[in-house]
């Protein structure tokens, strides 16, 4: 199974929701970073999840096997931030 982690920057903090087929499974808010969101989201995943799609502020940065996130959480978070920033540069009115 593949789920989506939707991360949003909110007033200097971050929140996330883990979503499967449009239904929110769980989430958290008020976290300090994208890394914190990824760690919190992955810790609660059901055992049948093998990969996650990561989205930051509605921009999908990729789909990652859980092992990749576990070994490279900071890099996955940075990739999400970079991807979102690049899209914001070319589409500043996307909100």
PDB file of N, CA and C in Angstrom:
ATOM      1  N   UNK A   1       0.843  -1.176   0.000  1.00  0.00           N
ATOM      2  CA  UNK A   1       0.000   0.000   0.000  1.00  0.00           C
ATOM      3  C   UNK A   1       0.890   1.242   0.000  1.00  0.00           C
ATOM      4  N   UNK A   2       0.430   2.274  -0.714  1.00  0.00           N
ATOM      5  CA  UNK A   2       1.089   3.573  -0.734  1.00  0.00           C
ATOM      6  C   UNK A   2       0.119   4.602  -0.167  1.00  0.00           C
ATOM      7  N   UNK A   3       0.587   5.410   0.778  1.00  0.00           N
ATOM      8  CA  UNK A   3      -0.226   6.490   1.343  1.00  0.00           C
ATOM      9  C   UNK A   3       0.442   7.821   1.006  1.00  0.00           C
ATOM     10  N   UNK A   4      -0.279   8.889   1.251  1.00  0.00           N
ATOM     11  CA  UNK A   4       0.253  10.222   0.995  1.00  0.00           C
ATOM     12  C   UNK A   4       0.432  10.949   2.319  1.00  0.00           C
ATOM     13  N   UNK A   5       1.551  11.650   2.450  1.00  0.00           N
ATOM     14  CA  UNK A   5       1.780  12.529   3.596  1.00  0.00           C
ATOM     15  C   UNK A   5       1.643  13.957   3.072  1.00  0.00           C
ATOM     16  N   UNK A   6       0.576  14.641   3.470  1.00  0.00           N
ATOM     17  CA  UNK A   6       0.339  16.033   3.099  1.00  0.00           C
ATOM     18  C   UNK A   6       0.878  16.921   4.214  1.00  0.00           C
ATOM     19  N   UNK A   7       1.905  17.703   3.904  1.00  0.00           N
ATOM     20  CA  UNK A   7       2.526  18.603   4.880  1.00  0.00           C
ATOM     21  C   UNK A   7       2.197  20.035   4.473  1.00  0.00           C
ATOM     22  N   UNK A   8       1.864  20.864   5.461  1.00  0.00           N
ATOM     23  CA  UNK A   8       1.524  22.264   5.209  1.00  0.00           C
ATOM     24  C   UNK A   8       2.281  23.152   6.191  1.00  0.00           C
ATOM     25  N   UNK A   9       2.835  24.242   5.662  1.00  0.00           N
ATOM     26  CA  UNK A   9       3.440  25.271   6.506  1.00  0.00           C
ATOM     27  C   UNK A   9       2.318  26.177   6.983  1.00  0.00           C
ATOM     28  N   UNK A  10       2.228  26.361   8.304  1.00  0.00           N
ATOM     29  CA  UNK A  10       1.157  27.162   8.891  1.00  0.00           C
ATOM     30  C   UNK A  10       1.743  28.074   9.957  1.00  0.00           C
ATOM     31  N   UNK A  11       1.817  29.359   9.668  1.00  0.00           N
ATOM     32  CA  UNK A  11       2.248  30.373  10.648  1.00  0.00           C
ATOM     33  C   UNK A  11       3.553  29.989  11.358  1.00  0.00           C
ATOM     34  N   UNK A  12       4.571  29.652  10.595  1.00  0.00           N
ATOM     35  CA  UNK A  12       5.871  29.347  11.182  1.00  0.00           C
ATOM     36  C   UNK A  12       6.017  27.945  11.734  1.00  0.00           C
ATOM     37  N   UNK A  13       4.989  27.138  11.614  1.00  0.00           N
ATOM     38  CA  UNK A  13       5.037  25.743  12.071  1.00  0.00           C
ATOM     39  C   UNK A  13       4.576  24.866  10.905  1.00  0.00           C
ATOM     40  N   UNK A  14       4.504  23.579  11.150  1.00  0.00           N
ATOM     41  CA  UNK A  14       4.091  22.638  10.107  1.00  0.00           C
ATOM     42  C   UNK A  14       3.065  21.676  10.666  1.00  0.00           C
ATOM     43  N   UNK A  15       2.157  21.260   9.792  1.00  0.00           N
ATOM     44  CA  UNK A  15       1.248  20.183  10.166  1.00  0.00           C
ATOM     45  C   UNK A  15       1.260  19.137   9.058  1.00  0.00           C
ATOM     46  N   UNK A  16       0.770  17.957   9.380  1.00  0.00           N
ATOM     47  CA  UNK A  16       0.708  16.896   8.372  1.00  0.00           C
ATOM     48  C   UNK A  16      -0.550  16.072   8.555  1.00  0.00           C
ATOM     49  N   UNK A  17      -0.928  15.429   7.466  1.00  0.00           N
ATOM     50  CA  UNK A  17      -2.011  14.449   7.482  1.00  0.00           C
ATOM     51  C   UNK A  17      -1.558  13.270   6.639  1.00  0.00           C
ATOM     52  N   UNK A  18      -1.799  12.079   7.142  1.00  0.00           N
ATOM     53  CA  UNK A  18      -1.540  10.858   6.375  1.00  0.00           C
ATOM     54  C   UNK A  18      -2.869  10.463   5.756  1.00  0.00           C
ATOM     55  N   UNK A  19      -2.865  10.338   4.424  1.00  0.00           N
ATOM     56  CA  UNK A  19      -4.101  10.139   3.676  1.00  0.00           C
ATOM     57  C   UNK A  19      -3.999   8.875   2.823  1.00  0.00           C
ATOM     58  N   UNK A  20      -5.053   8.075   2.858  1.00  0.00           N
ATOM     59  CA  UNK A  20      -5.150   6.907   1.985  1.00  0.00           C
ATOM     60  C   UNK A  20      -6.446   7.027   1.193  1.00  0.00           C
ATOM     61  N   UNK A  21      -6.326   7.050  -0.116  1.00  0.00           N
ATOM     62  CA  UNK A  21      -7.476   7.140  -1.021  1.00  0.00           C
ATOM     63  C   UNK A  21      -8.439   8.250  -0.599  1.00  0.00           C
ATOM     64  N   UNK A  22      -7.875   9.419  -0.296  1.00  0.00           N
ATOM     65  CA  UNK A  22      -8.678  10.580   0.047  1.00  0.00           C
ATOM     66  C   UNK A  22      -9.180  10.645   1.474  1.00  0.00           C
ATOM     67  N   UNK A  23      -8.940   9.622   2.259  1.00  0.00           N
ATOM     68  CA  UNK A  23      -9.408   9.591   3.648  1.00  0.00           C
ATOM     69  C   UNK A  23      -8.232   9.802   4.597  1.00  0.00           C
ATOM     70  N   UNK A  24      -8.366  10.797   5.478  1.00  0.00           N
ATOM     71  CA  UNK A  24      -7.302  11.068   6.441  1.00  0.00           C
ATOM     72  C   UNK A  24      -7.274   9.972   7.507  1.00  0.00           C
ATOM     73  N   UNK A  25      -6.098   9.362   7.681  1.00  0.00           N
ATOM     74  CA  UNK A  25      -5.923   8.327   8.695  1.00  0.00           C
ATOM     75  C   UNK A  25      -5.552   8.935  10.045  1.00  0.00           C
ATOM     76  N   UNK A  26      -4.623   9.898  10.035  1.00  0.00           N
ATOM     77  CA  UNK A  26      -4.208  10.598  11.245  1.00  0.00           C
ATOM     78  C   UNK A  26      -3.338  11.771  10.839  1.00  0.00           C
ATOM     79  N   UNK A  27      -3.001  12.607  11.785  1.00  0.00           N
ATOM     80  CA  UNK A  27      -2.158  13.757  11.517  1.00  0.00           C
ATOM     81  C   UNK A  27      -1.727  14.418  12.802  1.00  0.00           C
ATOM     82  N   UNK A  28      -0.994  15.518  12.658  1.00  0.00           N
ATOM     83  CA  UNK A  28      -0.526  16.282  13.809  1.00  0.00           C
ATOM     84  C   UNK A  28      -0.246  17.697  13.328  1.00  0.00           C
ATOM     85  N   UNK A  29      -0.194  18.640  14.269  1.00  0.00           N
ATOM     86  CA  UNK A  29       0.089  20.021  13.892  1.00  0.00           C
ATOM     87  C   UNK A  29       1.022  20.674  14.898  1.00  0.00           C
ATOM     88  N   UNK A  30       1.502  21.855  14.531  1.00  0.00           N
ATOM     89  CA  UNK A  30       2.384  22.602  15.413  1.00  0.00           C
ATOM     90  C   UNK A  30       3.793  22.053  15.489  1.00  0.00           C
ATOM     91  N   UNK A  31       4.224  21.321  14.484  1.00  0.00           N
ATOM     92  CA  UNK A  31       5.572  20.740  14.497  1.00  0.00           C
ATOM     93  C   UNK A  31       6.589  21.744  13.960  1.00  0.00           C
ATOM     94  N   UNK A  32       7.863  21.533  14.318  1.00  0.00           N
ATOM     95  CA  UNK A  32       8.898  22.505  14.014  1.00  0.00           C
ATOM     96  C   UNK A  32       9.512  22.440  12.639  1.00  0.00           C
ATOM     97  N   UNK A  33       9.319  21.330  11.928  1.00  0.00           N
ATOM     98  CA  UNK A  33       9.986  21.196  10.627  1.00  0.00           C
ATOM     99  C   UNK A  33       9.307  20.126   9.773  1.00  0.00           C
ATOM    100  N   UNK A  34       9.693  20.119   8.500  1.00  0.00           N
ATOM    101  CA  UNK A  34       9.217  19.068   7.595  1.00  0.00           C
ATOM    102  C   UNK A  34       9.761  17.719   8.065  1.00  0.00           C
ATOM    103  N   UNK A  35      10.993  17.689   8.551  1.00  0.00           N
ATOM    104  CA  UNK A  35      11.576  16.443   9.078  1.00  0.00           C
ATOM    105  C   UNK A  35      10.715  15.902  10.215  1.00  0.00           C
ATOM    106  N   UNK A  36      10.314  16.771  11.139  1.00  0.00           N
ATOM    107  CA  UNK A  36       9.459  16.331  12.258  1.00  0.00           C
ATOM    108  C   UNK A  36       8.150  15.742  11.745  1.00  0.00           C
ATOM    109  N   UNK A  37       7.587  16.352  10.717  1.00  0.00           N
ATOM    110  CA  UNK A  37       6.348  15.832  10.136  1.00  0.00           C
ATOM    111  C   UNK A  37       6.560  14.449   9.535  1.00  0.00           C
ATOM    112  N   UNK A  38       7.632  14.290   8.774  1.00  0.00           N
ATOM    113  CA  UNK A  38       7.901  12.986   8.161  1.00  0.00           C
ATOM    114  C   UNK A  38       8.113  11.908   9.212  1.00  0.00           C
ATOM    115  N   UNK A  39       8.866  12.223  10.237  1.00  0.00           N
ATOM    116  CA  UNK A  39       9.117  11.243  11.301  1.00  0.00           C
ATOM    117  C   UNK A  39       7.813  10.864  11.989  1.00  0.00           C
ATOM    118  N   UNK A  40       7.009  11.865  12.354  1.00  0.00           N
ATOM    119  CA  UNK A  40       5.733  11.580  13.015  1.00  0.00           C
ATOM    120  C   UNK A  40       4.786  10.787  12.144  1.00  0.00           C
ATOM    121  N   UNK A  41       4.755  11.125  10.876  1.00  0.00           N
ATOM    122  CA  UNK A  41       3.851  10.430   9.957  1.00  0.00           C
ATOM    123  C   UNK A  41       4.256   8.980   9.761  1.00  0.00           C
ATOM    124  N   UNK A  42       5.540   8.745   9.581  1.00  0.00           N
ATOM    125  CA  UNK A  42       6.026   7.388   9.312  1.00  0.00           C
ATOM    126  C   UNK A  42       5.901   6.501  10.543  1.00  0.00           C
ATOM    127  N   UNK A  43       6.090   7.059  11.730  1.00  0.00           N
ATOM    128  CA  UNK A  43       6.012   6.258  12.959  1.00  0.00           C
ATOM    129  C   UNK A  43       4.646   5.619  13.162  1.00  0.00           C
ATOM    130  N   UNK A  44       3.591   6.252  12.677  1.00  0.00           N
ATOM    131  CA  UNK A  44       2.250   5.721  12.900  1.00  0.00           C
ATOM    132  C   UNK A  44       1.684   4.881  11.774  1.00  0.00           C
ATOM    133  N   UNK A  45       2.490   4.620  10.743  1.00  0.00           N
ATOM    134  CA  UNK A  45       1.964   3.916   9.577  1.00  0.00           C
ATOM    135  C   UNK A  45       1.621   2.455   9.872  1.00  0.00           C
ATOM    136  N   UNK A  46       0.529   1.967   9.295  1.00  0.00           N
ATOM    137  CA  UNK A  46       0.209   0.543   9.413  1.00  0.00           C
ATOM    138  C   UNK A  46       1.289  -0.293   8.724  1.00  0.00           C
ATOM    139  N   UNK A  47       1.451  -1.520   9.139  1.00  0.00           N
ATOM    140  CA  UNK A  47       2.530  -2.383   8.632  1.00  0.00           C
ATOM    141  C   UNK A  47       2.408  -2.699   7.148  1.00  0.00           C
ATOM    142  N   UNK A  48       1.222  -2.592   6.568  1.00  0.00           N
ATOM    143  CA  UNK A  48       1.066  -2.912   5.141  1.00  0.00           C
ATOM    144  C   UNK A  48       1.539  -1.784   4.214  1.00  0.00           C
ATOM    145  N   UNK A  49       1.864  -0.607   4.766  1.00  0.00           N
ATOM    146  CA  UNK A  49       2.368   0.494   3.946  1.00  0.00           C
ATOM    147  C   UNK A  49       3.824   0.220   3.589  1.00  0.00           C
ATOM    148  N   UNK A  50       4.114   0.316   2.303  1.00  0.00           N
ATOM    149  CA  UNK A  50       5.470   0.060   1.803  1.00  0.00           C
ATOM    150  C   UNK A  50       6.149   1.312   1.273  1.00  0.00           C
ATOM    151  N   UNK A  51       5.346   2.326   0.913  1.00  0.00           N
ATOM    152  CA  UNK A  51       5.902   3.555   0.362  1.00  0.00           C
ATOM    153  C   UNK A  51       4.946   4.709   0.655  1.00  0.00           C
ATOM    154  N   UNK A  52       5.485   5.930   0.572  1.00  0.00           N
ATOM    155  CA  UNK A  52       4.656   7.114   0.796  1.00  0.00           C
ATOM    156  C   UNK A  52       4.918   8.149  -0.293  1.00  0.00           C
ATOM    157  N   UNK A  53       3.864   8.834  -0.644  1.00  0.00           N
ATOM    158  CA  UNK A  53       3.954   9.990  -1.531  1.00  0.00           C
ATOM    159  C   UNK A  53       4.054  11.206  -0.609  1.00  0.00           C
ATOM    160  N   UNK A  54       5.022  12.074  -0.859  1.00  0.00           N
ATOM    161  CA  UNK A  54       5.246  13.237  -0.006  1.00  0.00           C
ATOM    162  C   UNK A  54       4.819  14.497  -0.746  1.00  0.00           C
ATOM    163  N   UNK A  55       3.969  15.305  -0.100  1.00  0.00           N
ATOM    164  CA  UNK A  55       3.533  16.580  -0.672  1.00  0.00           C
ATOM    165  C   UNK A  55       3.722  17.682   0.368  1.00  0.00           C
ATOM    166  N   UNK A  56       4.308  18.788  -0.067  1.00  0.00           N
ATOM    167  CA  UNK A  56       4.489  19.970   0.788  1.00  0.00           C
ATOM    168  C   UNK A  56       3.727  21.119   0.153  1.00  0.00           C
ATOM    169  N   UNK A  57       2.799  21.677   0.889  1.00  0.00           N
ATOM    170  CA  UNK A  57       1.957  22.766   0.398  1.00  0.00           C
ATOM    171  C   UNK A  57       1.361  22.449  -0.974  1.00  0.00           C
ATOM    172  N   UNK A  58       0.821  21.253  -1.089  1.00  0.00           N
ATOM    173  CA  UNK A  58       0.089  20.749  -2.259  1.00  0.00           C
ATOM    174  C   UNK A  58       0.974  20.411  -3.453  1.00  0.00           C
ATOM    175  N   UNK A  59       2.282  20.408  -3.292  1.00  0.00           N
ATOM    176  CA  UNK A  59       3.192  20.045  -4.373  1.00  0.00           C
ATOM    177  C   UNK A  59       3.836  18.706  -4.031  1.00  0.00           C
ATOM    178  N   UNK A  60       3.615  17.709  -4.861  1.00  0.00           N
ATOM    179  CA  UNK A  60       4.180  16.382  -4.641  1.00  0.00           C
ATOM    180  C   UNK A  60       5.649  16.389  -5.064  1.00  0.00           C
ATOM    181  N   UNK A  61       6.516  15.964  -4.158  1.00  0.00           N
ATOM    182  CA  UNK A  61       7.946  15.918  -4.474  1.00  0.00           C
ATOM    183  C   UNK A  61       8.397  14.525  -4.882  1.00  0.00           C
ATOM    184  N   UNK A  62       7.611  13.506  -4.550  1.00  0.00           N
ATOM    185  CA  UNK A  62       7.979  12.160  -4.962  1.00  0.00           C
ATOM    186  C   UNK A  62       7.304  11.092  -4.139  1.00  0.00           C
ATOM    187  N   UNK A  63       7.528   9.861  -4.567  1.00  0.00           N
ATOM    188  CA  UNK A  63       7.048   8.678  -3.845  1.00  0.00           C
ATOM    189  C   UNK A  63       8.279   7.897  -3.422  1.00  0.00           C
ATOM    190  N   UNK A  64       8.354   7.579  -2.142  1.00  0.00           N
ATOM    191  CA  UNK A  64       9.555   6.994  -1.564  1.00  0.00           C
ATOM    192  C   UNK A  64       9.246   5.703  -0.812  1.00  0.00           C
ATOM    193  N   UNK A  65      10.074   4.672  -1.000  1.00  0.00           N
ATOM    194  CA  UNK A  65       9.959   3.495  -0.140  1.00  0.00           C
ATOM    195  C   UNK A  65      10.261   3.905   1.307  1.00  0.00           C
ATOM    196  N   UNK A  66       9.655   3.252   2.254  1.00  0.00           N
ATOM    197  CA  UNK A  66       9.866   3.603   3.664  1.00  0.00           C
ATOM    198  C   UNK A  66      11.338   3.539   4.060  1.00  0.00           C
ATOM    199  N   UNK A  67      12.069   2.601   3.480  1.00  0.00           N
ATOM    200  CA  UNK A  67      13.490   2.471   3.820  1.00  0.00           C
ATOM    201  C   UNK A  67      14.269   3.723   3.440  1.00  0.00           C
ATOM    202  N   UNK A  68      13.902   4.347   2.335  1.00  0.00           N
ATOM    203  CA  UNK A  68      14.587   5.567   1.892  1.00  0.00           C
ATOM    204  C   UNK A  68      14.321   6.699   2.875  1.00  0.00           C
ATOM    205  N   UNK A  69      13.086   6.827   3.311  1.00  0.00           N
ATOM    206  CA  UNK A  69      12.767   7.879   4.280  1.00  0.00           C
ATOM    207  C   UNK A  69      13.495   7.620   5.597  1.00  0.00           C
ATOM    208  N   UNK A  70      13.516   6.386   6.037  1.00  0.00           N
ATOM    209  CA  UNK A  70      14.188   6.055   7.295  1.00  0.00           C
ATOM    210  C   UNK A  70      15.680   6.380   7.248  1.00  0.00           C
ATOM    211  N   UNK A  71      16.308   6.122   6.109  1.00  0.00           N
ATOM    212  CA  UNK A  71      17.759   6.343   5.998  1.00  0.00           C
ATOM    213  C   UNK A  71      18.108   7.779   5.605  1.00  0.00           C
ATOM    214  N   UNK A  72      17.169   8.515   5.008  1.00  0.00           N
ATOM    215  CA  UNK A  72      17.489   9.824   4.432  1.00  0.00           C
ATOM    216  C   UNK A  72      16.394  10.851   4.686  1.00  0.00           C
ATOM    217  N   UNK A  73      15.854  10.897   5.880  1.00  0.00           N
ATOM    218  CA  UNK A  73      14.703  11.759   6.148  1.00  0.00           C
ATOM    219  C   UNK A  73      15.028  13.228   5.887  1.00  0.00           C
ATOM    220  N   UNK A  74      16.215  13.691   6.235  1.00  0.00           N
ATOM    221  CA  UNK A  74      16.570  15.091   6.007  1.00  0.00           C
ATOM    222  C   UNK A  74      16.644  15.404   4.514  1.00  0.00           C
ATOM    223  N   UNK A  75      17.151  14.474   3.729  1.00  0.00           N
ATOM    224  CA  UNK A  75      17.245  14.693   2.285  1.00  0.00           C
ATOM    225  C   UNK A  75      15.866  14.692   1.632  1.00  0.00           C
ATOM    226  N   UNK A  76      14.982  13.812   2.082  1.00  0.00           N
ATOM    227  CA  UNK A  76      13.613  13.777   1.547  1.00  0.00           C
ATOM    228  C   UNK A  76      12.903  15.087   1.889  1.00  0.00           C
ATOM    229  N   UNK A  77      13.085  15.574   3.121  1.00  0.00           N
ATOM    230  CA  UNK A  77      12.480  16.845   3.531  1.00  0.00           C
ATOM    231  C   UNK A  77      13.032  17.996   2.694  1.00  0.00           C
ATOM    232  N   UNK A  78      14.332  18.012   2.469  1.00  0.00           N
ATOM    233  CA  UNK A  78      14.941  19.077   1.667  1.00  0.00           C
ATOM    234  C   UNK A  78      14.459  19.028   0.219  1.00  0.00           C
ATOM    235  N   UNK A  79      14.318  17.825  -0.309  1.00  0.00           N
ATOM    236  CA  UNK A  79      13.809  17.683  -1.678  1.00  0.00           C
ATOM    237  C   UNK A  79      12.389  18.239  -1.774  1.00  0.00           C
ATOM    238  N   UNK A  80      11.558  17.961  -0.784  1.00  0.00           N
ATOM    239  CA  UNK A  80      10.193  18.493  -0.777  1.00  0.00           C
ATOM    240  C   UNK A  80      10.218  20.021  -0.735  1.00  0.00           C
ATOM    241  N   UNK A  81      11.065  20.590   0.119  1.00  0.00           N
ATOM    242  CA  UNK A  81      11.164  22.049   0.223  1.00  0.00           C
ATOM    243  C   UNK A  81      11.676  22.659  -1.081  1.00  0.00           C
ATOM    244  N   UNK A  82      12.687  22.045  -1.681  1.00  0.00           N
ATOM    245  CA  UNK A  82      13.240  22.554  -2.937  1.00  0.00           C
ATOM    246  C   UNK A  82      12.220  22.482  -4.072  1.00  0.00           C
ATOM    247  N   UNK A  83      11.515  21.373  -4.161  1.00  0.00           N
ATOM    248  CA  UNK A  83      10.512  21.202  -5.213  1.00  0.00           C
ATOM    249  C   UNK A  83       9.407  22.246  -5.075  1.00  0.00           C
ATOM    250  N   UNK A  84       8.923  22.438  -3.865  1.00  0.00           N
ATOM    251  CA  UNK A  84       7.866  23.423  -3.630  1.00  0.00           C
ATOM    252  C   UNK A  84       8.363  24.829  -3.942  1.00  0.00           C
ATOM    253  N   UNK A  85       9.588  25.157  -3.539  1.00  0.00           N
ATOM    254  CA  UNK A  85      10.146  26.482  -3.824  1.00  0.00           C
ATOM    255  C   UNK A  85      10.275  26.719  -5.323  1.00  0.00           C
ATOM    256  N   UNK A  86      10.704  25.703  -6.079  1.00  0.00           N
ATOM    257  CA  UNK A  86      10.826  25.858  -7.528  1.00  0.00           C
ATOM    258  C   UNK A  86       9.469  26.104  -8.178  1.00  0.00           C
ATOM    259  N   UNK A  87       8.459  25.383  -7.735  1.00  0.00           N
ATOM    260  CA  UNK A  87       7.117  25.590  -8.280  1.00  0.00           C
ATOM    261  C   UNK A  87       6.607  26.980  -7.907  1.00  0.00           C
ATOM    262  N   UNK A  88       6.851  27.401  -6.681  1.00  0.00           N
ATOM    263  CA  UNK A  88       6.431  28.739  -6.260  1.00  0.00           C
ATOM    264  C   UNK A  88       7.104  29.827  -7.099  1.00  0.00           C
ATOM    265  N   UNK A  89       8.358  29.597  -7.504  1.00  0.00           N
ATOM    266  CA  UNK A  89       9.060  30.574  -8.345  1.00  0.00           C
ATOM    267  C   UNK A  89       8.411  30.743  -9.712  1.00  0.00           C
ATOM    268  N   UNK A  90       7.955  29.657 -10.291  1.00  0.00           N
ATOM    269  CA  UNK A  90       7.376  29.732 -11.644  1.00  0.00           C
ATOM    270  C   UNK A  90       5.864  29.937 -11.620  1.00  0.00           C
ATOM    271  N   UNK A  91       5.244  29.685 -10.479  1.00  0.00           N
ATOM    272  CA  UNK A  91       3.791  29.862 -10.345  1.00  0.00           C
ATOM    273  C   UNK A  91       3.485  30.605  -9.040  1.00  0.00           C
ATOM    274  N   UNK A  92       3.880  31.875  -8.934  1.00  0.00           N
ATOM    275  CA  UNK A  92       3.713  32.591  -7.656  1.00  0.00           C
ATOM    276  C   UNK A  92       2.251  32.779  -7.235  1.00  0.00           C
ATOM    277  N   UNK A  93       1.328  32.658  -8.162  1.00  0.00           N
ATOM    278  CA  UNK A  93      -0.097  32.859  -7.838  1.00  0.00           C
ATOM    279  C   UNK A  93      -0.854  31.551  -7.676  1.00  0.00           C
ATOM    280  N   UNK A  94      -0.166  30.465  -7.396  1.00  0.00           N
ATOM    281  CA  UNK A  94      -0.846  29.170  -7.341  1.00  0.00           C
ATOM    282  C   UNK A  94      -1.790  29.019  -6.164  1.00  0.00           C
ATOM    283  N   UNK A  95      -1.673  29.850  -5.135  1.00  0.00           N
ATOM    284  CA  UNK A  95      -2.591  29.767  -3.993  1.00  0.00           C
ATOM    285  C   UNK A  95      -3.900  30.332  -4.391  1.00  0.00           C
TER     286      UNK A  95
END
